[in-house]
Protein backbone atom coordinates (compact mmCIF):
# COMPACT_ATOMS: atom_id res chain seq x y z
CA MET A 1 -30.02 30.51 1.74
CA GLU A 2 -29.33 31.91 -1.88
CA GLY A 3 -26.54 34.01 -0.69
CA LYS A 4 -24.98 31.44 1.64
CA LYS A 5 -24.67 29.14 -1.43
CA VAL A 6 -22.89 32.02 -3.30
CA VAL A 7 -20.77 32.53 -0.38
CA ALA A 8 -20.03 28.79 0.00
CA ALA A 9 -18.95 28.65 -4.16
CA ILE A 10 -16.80 31.77 -3.81
CA LEU A 11 -14.81 30.27 -0.58
CA ILE A 12 -14.47 26.97 -2.61
CA ILE A 13 -13.17 28.36 -5.88
CA ILE A 14 -10.73 30.55 -3.99
CA PRO A 15 -8.28 27.77 -3.46
CA PHE A 16 -8.84 26.47 -7.26
CA ILE A 17 -7.70 30.07 -8.52
CA ALA A 18 -4.50 30.39 -6.29
CA TYR A 19 -3.21 26.46 -7.03
CA LEU A 20 -4.16 27.39 -11.22
CA ALA A 21 -2.02 30.85 -10.84
CA LEU A 22 1.12 28.47 -11.20
CA PRO A 23 2.98 31.32 -13.46
CA LEU A 24 2.63 33.68 -10.02
CA TYR A 25 4.69 30.66 -7.96
CA ASN A 26 6.94 28.88 -10.31
CA THR A 27 9.74 30.45 -8.87
CA GLU A 28 12.83 28.88 -7.09
CA PHE A 29 13.33 31.74 -4.72
CA PRO A 30 12.91 33.05 -2.02
CA GLU A 31 13.41 30.14 0.03
CA VAL A 32 12.18 29.26 3.45
CA TYR A 33 14.31 26.43 5.51
CA GLY A 34 15.69 25.36 2.04
CA LEU A 35 12.22 24.87 0.67
CA PRO A 36 11.71 26.65 -2.95
CA PHE A 37 9.00 29.02 -3.13
CA PHE A 38 6.84 27.02 -5.13
CA TYR A 39 6.59 24.17 -2.39
CA TRP A 40 6.08 26.21 0.63
CA TYR A 41 3.23 28.27 -1.52
CA GLN A 42 1.56 25.20 -1.64
CA ILE A 43 2.23 23.67 1.76
CA ILE A 44 0.45 27.32 2.85
CA TRP A 45 -2.55 26.95 0.97
CA LEU A 46 -3.31 23.20 2.47
CA PRO A 47 -4.58 24.62 5.86
CA ILE A 48 -5.97 27.82 4.39
CA SER A 49 -7.56 25.58 1.55
CA GLY A 50 -8.97 23.09 4.46
CA VAL A 51 -10.61 26.12 6.62
CA LEU A 52 -12.26 27.54 3.79
CA PHE A 53 -13.86 24.08 2.55
CA TYR A 54 -15.02 23.60 6.27
CA ILE A 55 -16.63 27.05 6.21
CA ALA A 56 -18.26 26.44 2.78
CA ALA A 57 -19.77 23.56 4.31
CA VAL A 58 -21.09 24.37 7.47
CA LEU A 59 -22.78 27.53 5.18
CA ILE A 60 -24.16 24.95 3.06
CA ASP A 61 -25.03 22.39 5.91
CA SER A 62 -26.79 25.21 7.97
CA GLY A 63 -28.70 25.76 5.07
CA HIS A 64 -29.80 22.30 4.90
CA LYS A 65 -30.68 21.89 8.39
CA LYS A 66 -32.92 24.72 8.16
CA VAL A 67 -35.19 23.72 4.99
CA LYS A 68 -35.60 20.11 6.79
CA GLY A 69 -36.96 21.91 10.25
CA ARG A 70 -39.47 24.10 8.00
CA ARG A 71 -40.63 20.70 6.09
CA SER A 72 -40.99 18.68 9.48
CA SER A 73 -42.79 21.39 11.16
CA ARG A 74 -45.56 21.69 8.68
């Protein structure tokens, strides 16, 4: 179960690192449909963050369900 918590923590930390790496994406070019790189980088990370957070939540929740099942069977 500890391995799942570590993986979940890494999945949660990845988007924060991506957003906090401001000097990497604080540029105007390239543009996509008139949007500067600064904006579409963040737009791309929104669904990626959601997926990573969902996977982390499933990993954490699956660990709790197994623990509850073991406690009630004793």
